PDB file of N, CA and C in Angstrom:
ATOM      1  N   MET A   1     -10.084  19.101  11.633  1.00  0.00           N
ATOM      2  CA  MET A   1     -10.041  17.736  12.129  1.00  0.00           C
ATOM      3  C   MET A   1      -9.080  16.918  11.272  1.00  0.00           C
ATOM      4  N   ALA A   2      -8.118  16.311  11.896  1.00  0.00           N
ATOM      5  CA  ALA A   2      -7.126  15.527  11.167  1.00  0.00           C
ATOM      6  C   ALA A   2      -7.746  14.233  10.665  1.00  0.00           C
ATOM      7  N   GLU A   3      -7.483  13.919   9.439  1.00  0.00           N
ATOM      8  CA  GLU A   3      -7.992  12.693   8.837  1.00  0.00           C
ATOM      9  C   GLU A   3      -6.865  11.711   8.550  1.00  0.00           C
ATOM     10  N   THR A   4      -5.712  11.932   9.112  1.00  0.00           N
ATOM     11  CA  THR A   4      -4.578  11.061   8.878  1.00  0.00           C
ATOM     12  C   THR A   4      -4.816   9.727   9.573  1.00  0.00           C
ATOM     13  N   THR A   5      -4.548   8.652   8.861  1.00  0.00           N
ATOM     14  CA  THR A   5      -4.606   7.313   9.429  1.00  0.00           C
ATOM     15  C   THR A   5      -3.288   6.627   9.105  1.00  0.00           C
ATOM     16  N   GLN A   6      -3.203   5.386   9.477  1.00  0.00           N
ATOM     17  CA  GLN A   6      -1.991   4.634   9.174  1.00  0.00           C
ATOM     18  C   GLN A   6      -1.763   4.529   7.664  1.00  0.00           C
ATOM     19  N   PHE A   7      -2.841   4.507   6.889  1.00  0.00           N
ATOM     20  CA  PHE A   7      -2.730   4.263   5.454  1.00  0.00           C
ATOM     21  C   PHE A   7      -3.007   5.486   4.590  1.00  0.00           C
ATOM     22  N   VAL A   8      -3.746   6.458   5.119  1.00  0.00           N
ATOM     23  CA  VAL A   8      -4.110   7.653   4.361  1.00  0.00           C
ATOM     24  C   VAL A   8      -3.595   8.866   5.116  1.00  0.00           C
ATOM     25  N   LYS A   9      -2.780   9.670   4.443  1.00  0.00           N
ATOM     26  CA  LYS A   9      -2.175  10.848   5.080  1.00  0.00           C
ATOM     27  C   LYS A   9      -2.891  12.116   4.636  1.00  0.00           C
ATOM     28  N   GLU A  10      -2.993  13.057   5.546  1.00  0.00           N
ATOM     29  CA  GLU A  10      -3.581  14.351   5.215  1.00  0.00           C
ATOM     30  C   GLU A  10      -2.542  15.187   4.467  1.00  0.00           C
ATOM     31  N   VAL A  11      -2.997  15.918   3.467  1.00  0.00           N
ATOM     32  CA  VAL A  11      -2.120  16.804   2.711  1.00  0.00           C
ATOM     33  C   VAL A  11      -2.804  18.177   2.663  1.00  0.00           C
ATOM     34  N   ASN A  12      -1.982  19.228   2.540  1.00  0.00           N
ATOM     35  CA  ASN A  12      -2.532  20.583   2.480  1.00  0.00           C
ATOM     36  C   ASN A  12      -1.943  21.325   1.285  1.00  0.00           C
ATOM     37  N   ASP A  13      -2.357  22.583   1.130  1.00  0.00           N
ATOM     38  CA  ASP A  13      -1.863  23.392   0.010  1.00  0.00           C
ATOM     39  C   ASP A  13      -0.339  23.391  -0.056  1.00  0.00           C
ATOM     40  N   ALA A  14       0.301  23.565   1.089  1.00  0.00           N
ATOM     41  CA  ALA A  14       1.763  23.693   1.126  1.00  0.00           C
ATOM     42  C   ALA A  14       2.470  22.405   0.708  1.00  0.00           C
ATOM     43  N   GLY A  15       1.935  21.252   1.064  1.00  0.00           N
ATOM     44  CA  GLY A  15       2.623  19.994   0.772  1.00  0.00           C
ATOM     45  C   GLY A  15       2.065  19.212  -0.392  1.00  0.00           C
ATOM     46  N   PHE A  16       1.055  19.760  -1.055  1.00  0.00           N
ATOM     47  CA  PHE A  16       0.364  19.027  -2.117  1.00  0.00           C
ATOM     48  C   PHE A  16       1.282  18.631  -3.271  1.00  0.00           C
ATOM     49  N   ASP A  17       1.979  19.611  -3.841  1.00  0.00           N
ATOM     50  CA  ASP A  17       2.820  19.330  -5.014  1.00  0.00           C
ATOM     51  C   ASP A  17       3.875  18.277  -4.701  1.00  0.00           C
ATOM     52  N   GLU A  18       4.508  18.413  -3.555  1.00  0.00           N
ATOM     53  CA  GLU A  18       5.539  17.448  -3.157  1.00  0.00           C
ATOM     54  C   GLU A  18       4.941  16.057  -2.972  1.00  0.00           C
ATOM     55  N   ALA A  19       3.772  15.980  -2.374  1.00  0.00           N
ATOM     56  CA  ALA A  19       3.130  14.685  -2.120  1.00  0.00           C
ATOM     57  C   ALA A  19       2.826  13.944  -3.419  1.00  0.00           C
ATOM     58  N   VAL A  20       2.248  14.632  -4.383  1.00  0.00           N
ATOM     59  CA  VAL A  20       1.868  13.937  -5.618  1.00  0.00           C
ATOM     60  C   VAL A  20       3.063  13.665  -6.525  1.00  0.00           C
ATOM     61  N   LYS A  21       4.132  14.419  -6.369  1.00  0.00           N
ATOM     62  CA  LYS A  21       5.327  14.199  -7.185  1.00  0.00           C
ATOM     63  C   LYS A  21       6.261  13.154  -6.594  1.00  0.00           C
ATOM     64  N   SER A  22       6.154  12.919  -5.283  1.00  0.00           N
ATOM     65  CA  SER A  22       7.108  12.027  -4.625  1.00  0.00           C
ATOM     66  C   SER A  22       6.721  10.559  -4.731  1.00  0.00           C
ATOM     67  N   ASN A  23       5.631  10.267  -5.375  1.00  0.00           N
ATOM     68  CA  ASN A  23       5.154   8.890  -5.485  1.00  0.00           C
ATOM     69  C   ASN A  23       4.844   8.556  -6.935  1.00  0.00           C
ATOM     70  N   ARG A  24       5.112   7.327  -7.324  1.00  0.00           N
ATOM     71  CA  ARG A  24       4.816   6.881  -8.691  1.00  0.00           C
ATOM     72  C   ARG A  24       3.332   7.069  -8.989  1.00  0.00           C
ATOM     73  N   VAL A  25       2.462   6.545  -8.102  1.00  0.00           N
ATOM     74  CA  VAL A  25       1.020   6.721  -8.243  1.00  0.00           C
ATOM     75  C   VAL A  25       0.491   7.237  -6.908  1.00  0.00           C
ATOM     76  N   ALA A  26      -0.298   8.315  -6.970  1.00  0.00           N
ATOM     77  CA  ALA A  26      -0.877   8.894  -5.766  1.00  0.00           C
ATOM     78  C   ALA A  26      -2.358   9.176  -6.007  1.00  0.00           C
ATOM     79  N   LEU A  27      -3.180   8.856  -5.006  1.00  0.00           N
ATOM     80  CA  LEU A  27      -4.599   9.169  -5.060  1.00  0.00           C
ATOM     81  C   LEU A  27      -4.880  10.206  -3.988  1.00  0.00           C
ATOM     82  N   VAL A  28      -5.548  11.296  -4.387  1.00  0.00           N
ATOM     83  CA  VAL A  28      -5.907  12.357  -3.446  1.00  0.00           C
ATOM     84  C   VAL A  28      -7.431  12.420  -3.358  1.00  0.00           C
ATOM     85  N   ASP A  29      -7.932  12.217  -2.150  1.00  0.00           N
ATOM     86  CA  ASP A  29      -9.363  12.291  -1.868  1.00  0.00           C
ATOM     87  C   ASP A  29      -9.670  13.701  -1.387  1.00  0.00           C
ATOM     88  N   CYS A  30     -10.356  14.490  -2.213  1.00  0.00           N
ATOM     89  CA  CYS A  30     -10.725  15.862  -1.854  1.00  0.00           C
ATOM     90  C   CYS A  30     -12.106  15.813  -1.205  1.00  0.00           C
ATOM     91  N   TRP A  31     -12.201  16.311   0.016  1.00  0.00           N
ATOM     92  CA  TRP A  31     -13.382  16.131   0.846  1.00  0.00           C
ATOM     93  C   TRP A  31     -13.608  17.354   1.726  1.00  0.00           C
ATOM     94  N   ALA A  32     -14.682  17.341   2.491  1.00  0.00           N
ATOM     95  CA  ALA A  32     -14.953  18.351   3.523  1.00  0.00           C
ATOM     96  C   ALA A  32     -15.714  17.658   4.658  1.00  0.00           C
ATOM     97  N   PRO A  33     -15.546  18.136   5.885  1.00  0.00           N
ATOM     98  CA  PRO A  33     -16.169  17.489   7.035  1.00  0.00           C
ATOM     99  C   PRO A  33     -17.704  17.442   6.980  1.00  0.00           C
ATOM    100  N   TRP A  34     -18.321  18.406   6.340  1.00  0.00           N
ATOM    101  CA  TRP A  34     -19.778  18.485   6.275  1.00  0.00           C
ATOM    102  C   TRP A  34     -20.384  17.647   5.153  1.00  0.00           C
ATOM    103  N   CYS A  35     -19.557  17.040   4.327  1.00  0.00           N
ATOM    104  CA  CYS A  35     -19.990  16.327   3.120  1.00  0.00           C
ATOM    105  C   CYS A  35     -20.364  14.876   3.439  1.00  0.00           C
ATOM    106  N   GLY A  36     -21.657  14.568   3.367  1.00  0.00           N
ATOM    107  CA  GLY A  36     -22.126  13.211   3.628  1.00  0.00           C
ATOM    108  C   GLY A  36     -21.527  12.157   2.702  1.00  0.00           C
ATOM    109  N   PRO A  37     -21.562  12.372   1.373  1.00  0.00           N
ATOM    110  CA  PRO A  37     -20.965  11.388   0.470  1.00  0.00           C
ATOM    111  C   PRO A  37     -19.460  11.183   0.722  1.00  0.00           C
ATOM    112  N   CYS A  38     -18.773  12.233   1.164  1.00  0.00           N
ATOM    113  CA  CYS A  38     -17.344  12.100   1.492  1.00  0.00           C
ATOM    114  C   CYS A  38     -17.161  11.132   2.654  1.00  0.00           C
ATOM    115  N   ARG A  39     -18.024  11.248   3.651  1.00  0.00           N
ATOM    116  CA  ARG A  39     -17.970  10.362   4.820  1.00  0.00           C
ATOM    117  C   ARG A  39     -18.294   8.920   4.424  1.00  0.00           C
ATOM    118  N   ILE A  40     -19.227   8.759   3.492  1.00  0.00           N
ATOM    119  CA  ILE A  40     -19.583   7.420   3.017  1.00  0.00           C
ATOM    120  C   ILE A  40     -18.406   6.787   2.275  1.00  0.00           C
ATOM    121  N   LEU A  41     -17.670   7.597   1.507  1.00  0.00           N
ATOM    122  CA  LEU A  41     -16.554   7.101   0.708  1.00  0.00           C
ATOM    123  C   LEU A  41     -15.294   6.822   1.536  1.00  0.00           C
ATOM    124  N   ALA A  42     -15.158   7.474   2.689  1.00  0.00           N
ATOM    125  CA  ALA A  42     -13.935   7.374   3.496  1.00  0.00           C
ATOM    126  C   ALA A  42     -13.516   5.931   3.817  1.00  0.00           C
ATOM    127  N   PRO A  43     -14.419   5.044   4.251  1.00  0.00           N
ATOM    128  CA  PRO A  43     -13.982   3.668   4.533  1.00  0.00           C
ATOM    129  C   PRO A  43     -13.481   2.924   3.288  1.00  0.00           C
ATOM    130  N   THR A  44     -14.037   3.258   2.132  1.00  0.00           N
ATOM    131  CA  THR A  44     -13.583   2.648   0.880  1.00  0.00           C
ATOM    132  C   THR A  44     -12.153   3.076   0.574  1.00  0.00           C
ATOM    133  N   ILE A  45     -11.868   4.356   0.746  1.00  0.00           N
ATOM    134  CA  ILE A  45     -10.511   4.871   0.505  1.00  0.00           C
ATOM    135  C   ILE A  45      -9.539   4.225   1.486  1.00  0.00           C
ATOM    136  N   GLU A  46      -9.948   4.102   2.731  1.00  0.00           N
ATOM    137  CA  GLU A  46      -9.108   3.479   3.755  1.00  0.00           C
ATOM    138  C   GLU A  46      -8.809   2.019   3.393  1.00  0.00           C
ATOM    139  N   ALA A  47      -9.817   1.286   2.944  1.00  0.00           N
ATOM    140  CA  ALA A  47      -9.635  -0.118   2.571  1.00  0.00           C
ATOM    141  C   ALA A  47      -8.713  -0.241   1.355  1.00  0.00           C
ATOM    142  N   LEU A  48      -8.891   0.623   0.372  1.00  0.00           N
ATOM    143  CA  LEU A  48      -8.011   0.610  -0.801  1.00  0.00           C
ATOM    144  C   LEU A  48      -6.574   0.929  -0.400  1.00  0.00           C
ATOM    145  N   ALA A  49      -6.417   1.898   0.485  1.00  0.00           N
ATOM    146  CA  ALA A  49      -5.076   2.279   0.942  1.00  0.00           C
ATOM    147  C   ALA A  49      -4.404   1.113   1.663  1.00  0.00           C
ATOM    148  N   LYS A  50      -5.175   0.376   2.412  1.00  0.00           N
ATOM    149  CA  LYS A  50      -4.645  -0.787   3.123  1.00  0.00           C
ATOM    150  C   LYS A  50      -4.183  -1.853   2.123  1.00  0.00           C
ATOM    151  N   ASP A  51      -4.974  -2.050   1.062  1.00  0.00           N
ATOM    152  CA  ASP A  51      -4.666  -3.086   0.069  1.00  0.00           C
ATOM    153  C   ASP A  51      -3.603  -2.675  -0.946  1.00  0.00           C
ATOM    154  N   TYR A  52      -3.536  -1.389  -1.274  1.00  0.00           N
ATOM    155  CA  TYR A  52      -2.625  -0.916  -2.324  1.00  0.00           C
ATOM    156  C   TYR A  52      -1.505  -0.031  -1.793  1.00  0.00           C
ATOM    157  N   GLY A  53      -1.329   0.011  -0.495  1.00  0.00           N
ATOM    158  CA  GLY A  53      -0.365   0.915   0.127  1.00  0.00           C
ATOM    159  C   GLY A  53       1.061   0.783  -0.347  1.00  0.00           C
ATOM    160  N   ASP A  54       1.437  -0.396  -0.844  1.00  0.00           N
ATOM    161  CA  ASP A  54       2.797  -0.562  -1.340  1.00  0.00           C
ATOM    162  C   ASP A  54       2.945  -0.079  -2.782  1.00  0.00           C
ATOM    163  N   LYS A  55       1.829   0.141  -3.478  1.00  0.00           N
ATOM    164  CA  LYS A  55       1.866   0.558  -4.882  1.00  0.00           C
ATOM    165  C   LYS A  55       1.353   1.974  -5.119  1.00  0.00           C
ATOM    166  N   VAL A  56       0.467   2.437  -4.229  1.00  0.00           N
ATOM    167  CA  VAL A  56      -0.183   3.739  -4.385  1.00  0.00           C
ATOM    168  C   VAL A  56      -0.137   4.453  -3.037  1.00  0.00           C
ATOM    169  N   LYS A  57       0.160   5.741  -3.060  1.00  0.00           N
ATOM    170  CA  LYS A  57       0.092   6.548  -1.844  1.00  0.00           C
ATOM    171  C   LYS A  57      -1.261   7.250  -1.829  1.00  0.00           C
ATOM    172  N   PHE A  58      -1.894   7.257  -0.670  1.00  0.00           N
ATOM    173  CA  PHE A  58      -3.230   7.825  -0.520  1.00  0.00           C
ATOM    174  C   PHE A  58      -3.179   9.054   0.380  1.00  0.00           C
ATOM    175  N   PHE A  59      -3.859  10.111  -0.062  1.00  0.00           N
ATOM    176  CA  PHE A  59      -3.905  11.369   0.672  1.00  0.00           C
ATOM    177  C   PHE A  59      -5.335  11.881   0.737  1.00  0.00           C
ATOM    178  N   LYS A  60      -5.637  12.670   1.779  1.00  0.00           N
ATOM    179  CA  LYS A  60      -6.905  13.382   1.905  1.00  0.00           C
ATOM    180  C   LYS A  60      -6.604  14.871   1.929  1.00  0.00           C
ATOM    181  N   LEU A  61      -7.409  15.637   1.201  1.00  0.00           N
ATOM    182  CA  LEU A  61      -7.269  17.088   1.152  1.00  0.00           C
ATOM    183  C   LEU A  61      -8.613  17.706   1.527  1.00  0.00           C
ATOM    184  N   ASN A  62      -8.647  18.445   2.630  1.00  0.00           N
ATOM    185  CA  ASN A  62      -9.854  19.141   3.057  1.00  0.00           C
ATOM    186  C   ASN A  62     -10.009  20.388   2.186  1.00  0.00           C
ATOM    187  N   THR A  63     -11.039  20.411   1.345  1.00  0.00           N
ATOM    188  CA  THR A  63     -11.210  21.519   0.395  1.00  0.00           C
ATOM    189  C   THR A  63     -11.556  22.832   1.089  1.00  0.00           C
ATOM    190  N   ASP A  64     -12.175  22.764   2.265  1.00  0.00           N
ATOM    191  CA  ASP A  64     -12.503  23.991   3.005  1.00  0.00           C
ATOM    192  C   ASP A  64     -11.255  24.692   3.521  1.00  0.00           C
ATOM    193  N   GLU A  65     -10.230  23.931   3.832  1.00  0.00           N
ATOM    194  CA  GLU A  65      -9.014  24.490   4.440  1.00  0.00           C
ATOM    195  C   GLU A  65      -7.878  24.713   3.441  1.00  0.00           C
ATOM    196  N   ASN A  66      -8.074  24.323   2.186  1.00  0.00           N
ATOM    197  CA  ASN A  66      -6.991  24.399   1.200  1.00  0.00           C
ATOM    198  C   ASN A  66      -7.477  25.017  -0.107  1.00  0.00           C
ATOM    199  N   PRO A  67      -7.654  26.343  -0.119  1.00  0.00           N
ATOM    200  CA  PRO A  67      -8.222  27.011  -1.285  1.00  0.00           C
ATOM    201  C   PRO A  67      -7.316  26.993  -2.525  1.00  0.00           C
ATOM    202  N   ARG A  68      -6.001  26.923  -2.342  1.00  0.00           N
ATOM    203  CA  ARG A  68      -5.109  26.942  -3.522  1.00  0.00           C
ATOM    204  C   ARG A  68      -5.346  25.733  -4.410  1.00  0.00           C
ATOM    205  N   VAL A  69      -5.303  24.550  -3.835  1.00  0.00           N
ATOM    206  CA  VAL A  69      -5.511  23.330  -4.630  1.00  0.00           C
ATOM    207  C   VAL A  69      -6.946  23.267  -5.136  1.00  0.00           C
ATOM    208  N   THR A  70      -7.888  23.645  -4.285  1.00  0.00           N
ATOM    209  CA  THR A  70      -9.301  23.632  -4.677  1.00  0.00           C
ATOM    210  C   THR A  70      -9.524  24.518  -5.908  1.00  0.00           C
ATOM    211  N   THR A  71      -8.910  25.691  -5.922  1.00  0.00           N
ATOM    212  CA  THR A  71      -9.031  26.605  -7.058  1.00  0.00           C
ATOM    213  C   THR A  71      -8.229  26.112  -8.259  1.00  0.00           C
ATOM    214  N   GLN A  72      -7.008  25.669  -8.013  1.00  0.00           N
ATOM    215  CA  GLN A  72      -6.125  25.215  -9.095  1.00  0.00           C
ATOM    216  C   GLN A  72      -6.769  24.104  -9.927  1.00  0.00           C
ATOM    217  N   PHE A  73      -7.432  23.168  -9.257  1.00  0.00           N
ATOM    218  CA  PHE A  73      -8.035  22.036  -9.959  1.00  0.00           C
ATOM    219  C   PHE A  73      -9.535  22.212 -10.193  1.00  0.00           C
ATOM    220  N   ARG A  74     -10.033  23.408  -9.884  1.00  0.00           N
ATOM    221  CA  ARG A  74     -11.437  23.758 -10.132  1.00  0.00           C
ATOM    222  C   ARG A  74     -12.394  22.724  -9.538  1.00  0.00           C
ATOM    223  N   ILE A  75     -12.172  22.386  -8.292  1.00  0.00           N
ATOM    224  CA  ILE A  75     -13.026  21.411  -7.617  1.00  0.00           C
ATOM    225  C   ILE A  75     -14.373  22.074  -7.332  1.00  0.00           C
ATOM    226  N   ARG A  76     -15.420  21.544  -7.923  1.00  0.00           N
ATOM    227  CA  ARG A  76     -16.753  22.101  -7.764  1.00  0.00           C
ATOM    228  C   ARG A  76     -17.691  21.132  -7.036  1.00  0.00           C
ATOM    229  N   SER A  77     -17.337  19.850  -7.035  1.00  0.00           N
ATOM    230  CA  SER A  77     -18.141  18.824  -6.375  1.00  0.00           C
ATOM    231  C   SER A  77     -17.217  17.952  -5.546  1.00  0.00           C
ATOM    232  N   ILE A  78     -17.706  17.543  -4.385  1.00  0.00           N
ATOM    233  CA  ILE A  78     -16.942  16.612  -3.573  1.00  0.00           C
ATOM    234  C   ILE A  78     -17.868  15.470  -3.166  1.00  0.00           C
ATOM    235  N   PRO A  79     -17.312  14.288  -3.006  1.00  0.00           N
ATOM    236  CA  PRO A  79     -15.888  13.980  -3.096  1.00  0.00           C
ATOM    237  C   PRO A  79     -15.389  13.989  -4.542  1.00  0.00           C
ATOM    238  N   THR A  80     -14.162  14.437  -4.687  1.00  0.00           N
ATOM    239  CA  THR A  80     -13.433  14.348  -5.946  1.00  0.00           C
ATOM    240  C   THR A  80     -12.139  13.602  -5.656  1.00  0.00           C
ATOM    241  N   LEU A  81     -11.853  12.603  -6.460  1.00  0.00           N
ATOM    242  CA  LEU A  81     -10.610  11.846  -6.327  1.00  0.00           C
ATOM    243  C   LEU A  81      -9.728  12.164  -7.524  1.00  0.00           C
ATOM    244  N   PHE A  82      -8.488  12.506  -7.241  1.00  0.00           N
ATOM    245  CA  PHE A  82      -7.488  12.719  -8.289  1.00  0.00           C
ATOM    246  C   PHE A  82      -6.480  11.585  -8.215  1.00  0.00           C
ATOM    247  N   ILE A  83      -6.148  11.038  -9.364  1.00  0.00           N
ATOM    248  CA  ILE A  83      -5.085  10.036  -9.421  1.00  0.00           C
ATOM    249  C   ILE A  83      -3.946  10.634 -10.227  1.00  0.00           C
ATOM    250  N   PHE A  84      -2.786  10.710  -9.594  1.00  0.00           N
ATOM    251  CA  PHE A  84      -1.588  11.248 -10.227  1.00  0.00           C
ATOM    252  C   PHE A  84      -0.614  10.116 -10.528  1.00  0.00           C
ATOM    253  N   VAL A  85       0.014  10.197 -11.681  1.00  0.00           N
ATOM    254  CA  VAL A  85       1.073   9.258 -12.055  1.00  0.00           C
ATOM    255  C   VAL A  85       2.305  10.090 -12.368  1.00  0.00           C
ATOM    256  N   ASP A  86       3.373   9.821 -11.647  1.00  0.00           N
ATOM    257  CA  ASP A  86       4.621  10.569 -11.810  1.00  0.00           C
ATOM    258  C   ASP A  86       4.400  12.084 -11.720  1.00  0.00           C
ATOM    259  N   GLY A  87       3.529  12.499 -10.793  1.00  0.00           N
ATOM    260  CA  GLY A  87       3.302  13.914 -10.552  1.00  0.00           C
ATOM    261  C   GLY A  87       2.338  14.599 -11.493  1.00  0.00           C
ATOM    262  N   LYS A  88       1.801  13.865 -12.465  1.00  0.00           N
ATOM    263  CA  LYS A  88       0.870  14.455 -13.429  1.00  0.00           C
ATOM    264  C   LYS A  88      -0.526  13.865 -13.218  1.00  0.00           C
ATOM    265  N   LEU A  89      -1.545  14.708 -13.301  1.00  0.00           N
ATOM    266  CA  LEU A  89      -2.911  14.250 -13.146  1.00  0.00           C
ATOM    267  C   LEU A  89      -3.253  13.271 -14.263  1.00  0.00           C
ATOM    268  N   ALA A  90      -3.630  12.050 -13.882  1.00  0.00           N
ATOM    269  CA  ALA A  90      -3.923  11.010 -14.867  1.00  0.00           C
ATOM    270  C   ALA A  90      -5.412  10.711 -14.961  1.00  0.00           C
ATOM    271  N   ASP A  91      -6.157  10.930 -13.861  1.00  0.00           N
ATOM    272  CA  ASP A  91      -7.583  10.627 -13.881  1.00  0.00           C
ATOM    273  C   ASP A  91      -8.283  11.370 -12.751  1.00  0.00           C
ATOM    274  N   THR A  92      -9.555  11.636 -12.950  1.00  0.00           N
ATOM    275  CA  THR A  92     -10.397  12.296 -11.948  1.00  0.00           C
ATOM    276  C   THR A  92     -11.679  11.502 -11.800  1.00  0.00           C
ATOM    277  N   ILE A  93     -12.083  11.290 -10.564  1.00  0.00           N
ATOM    278  CA  ILE A  93     -13.339  10.603 -10.267  1.00  0.00           C
ATOM    279  C   ILE A  93     -14.153  11.540  -9.378  1.00  0.00           C
ATOM    280  N   ILE A  94     -15.393  11.788  -9.762  1.00  0.00           N
ATOM    281  CA  ILE A  94     -16.246  12.681  -8.984  1.00  0.00           C
ATOM    282  C   ILE A  94     -17.429  11.879  -8.438  1.00  0.00           C
ATOM    283  N   GLY A  95     -17.655  12.032  -7.141  1.00  0.00           N
ATOM    284  CA  GLY A  95     -18.790  11.378  -6.509  1.00  0.00           C
ATOM    285  C   GLY A  95     -18.387  10.173  -5.678  1.00  0.00           C
ATOM    286  N   ALA A  96     -19.334   9.703  -4.897  1.00  0.00           N
ATOM    287  CA  ALA A  96     -19.120   8.522  -4.058  1.00  0.00           C
ATOM    288  C   ALA A  96     -19.406   7.287  -4.903  1.00  0.00           C
ATOM    289  N   VAL A  97     -18.376   6.811  -5.551  1.00  0.00           N
ATOM    290  CA  VAL A  97     -18.500   5.680  -6.473  1.00  0.00           C
ATOM    291  C   VAL A  97     -18.091   4.387  -5.763  1.00  0.00           C
ATOM    292  N   PRO A  98     -18.494   3.238  -6.300  1.00  0.00           N
ATOM    293  CA  PRO A  98     -18.134   1.958  -5.674  1.00  0.00           C
ATOM    294  C   PRO A  98     -16.630   1.685  -5.717  1.00  0.00           C
ATOM    295  N   ARG A  99     -16.176   0.888  -4.774  1.00  0.00           N
ATOM    296  CA  ARG A  99     -14.768   0.502  -4.699  1.00  0.00           C
ATOM    297  C   ARG A  99     -14.272  -0.071  -6.029  1.00  0.00           C
ATOM    298  N   GLN A 100     -15.078  -0.921  -6.668  1.00  0.00           N
ATOM    299  CA  GLN A 100     -14.655  -1.569  -7.910  1.00  0.00           C
ATOM    300  C   GLN A 100     -14.316  -0.549  -8.996  1.00  0.00           C
ATOM    301  N   TYR A 101     -15.047   0.546  -9.027  1.00  0.00           N
ATOM    302  CA  TYR A 101     -14.798   1.586 -10.019  1.00  0.00           C
ATOM    303  C   TYR A 101     -13.432   2.249  -9.775  1.00  0.00           C
ATOM    304  N   ILE A 102     -13.172   2.612  -8.532  1.00  0.00           N
ATOM    305  CA  ILE A 102     -11.889   3.236  -8.183  1.00  0.00           C
ATOM    306  C   ILE A 102     -10.749   2.249  -8.425  1.00  0.00           C
ATOM    307  N   GLU A 103     -10.949   1.023  -8.005  1.00  0.00           N
ATOM    308  CA  GLU A 103      -9.922  -0.015  -8.163  1.00  0.00           C
ATOM    309  C   GLU A 103      -9.599  -0.252  -9.634  1.00  0.00           C
ATOM    310  N   GLY A 104     -10.609  -0.225 -10.488  1.00  0.00           N
ATOM    311  CA  GLY A 104     -10.392  -0.391 -11.927  1.00  0.00           C
ATOM    312  C   GLY A 104      -9.521   0.729 -12.490  1.00  0.00           C
ATOM    313  N   LYS A 105      -9.777   1.943 -12.046  1.00  0.00           N
ATOM    314  CA  LYS A 105      -8.974   3.086 -12.499  1.00  0.00           C
ATOM    315  C   LYS A 105      -7.526   2.950 -12.021  1.00  0.00           C
ATOM    316  N   LEU A 106      -7.351   2.542 -10.764  1.00  0.00           N
ATOM    317  CA  LEU A 106      -5.993   2.371 -10.231  1.00  0.00           C
ATOM    318  C   LEU A 106      -5.240   1.281 -10.981  1.00  0.00           C
ATOM    319  N   LYS A 107      -5.885   0.155 -11.164  1.00  0.00           N
ATOM    320  CA  LYS A 107      -5.239  -0.982 -11.853  1.00  0.00           C
ATOM    321  C   LYS A 107      -4.802  -0.604 -13.266  1.00  0.00           C
ATOM    322  N   ALA A 108      -5.610   0.216 -13.933  1.00  0.00           N
ATOM    323  CA  ALA A 108      -5.270   0.631 -15.299  1.00  0.00           C
ATOM    324  C   ALA A 108      -4.034   1.530 -15.332  1.00  0.00           C
ATOM    325  N   LEU A 109      -3.759   2.211 -14.231  1.00  0.00           N
ATOM    326  CA  LEU A 109      -2.630   3.150 -14.188  1.00  0.00           C
ATOM    327  C   LEU A 109      -1.373   2.588 -13.527  1.00  0.00           C
ATOM    328  N   LEU A 110      -1.512   1.459 -12.869  1.00  0.00           N
ATOM    329  CA  LEU A 110      -0.345   0.855 -12.217  1.00  0.00           C
ATOM    330  C   LEU A 110       0.515   0.128 -13.240  1.00  0.00           C
ATOM    331  N   PRO A 111       1.837   0.137 -13.018  1.00  0.00           N
ATOM    332  CA  PRO A 111       2.702  -0.601 -13.929  1.00  0.00           C
ATOM    333  C   PRO A 111       2.381  -2.090 -13.879  1.00  0.00           C
ATOM    334  N   GLN A 112       2.446  -2.721 -15.014  1.00  0.00           N
ATOM    335  CA  GLN A 112       2.129  -4.158 -15.099  1.00  0.00           C
ATOM    336  C   GLN A 112       3.290  -5.015 -14.673  1.00  0.00           C
TER     337      GLN A 112
END
């Protein structure tokens, strides 16, 4: 099931490296269709993408369909959010956390 929206793009194993390297700051939401907390977090990610779309690129990665990235980053719990800065992993958030928590992490990593 495609999770691409106007503000959040779907990414897969093949395009993952390019996606996180092509943007100054990128957030990747690692999820699965059967995951209740992932579904709860989805509107928060969408709202953040709408508000920060000019500063941060937002992606969704289905962990069931993308074993390379899931294994590479040792994803054991979902939702897992990765924040990349200049192509390097800068922060990881695990669980369905409040918007303010995610926003605080993003603000700390954005250029002033």
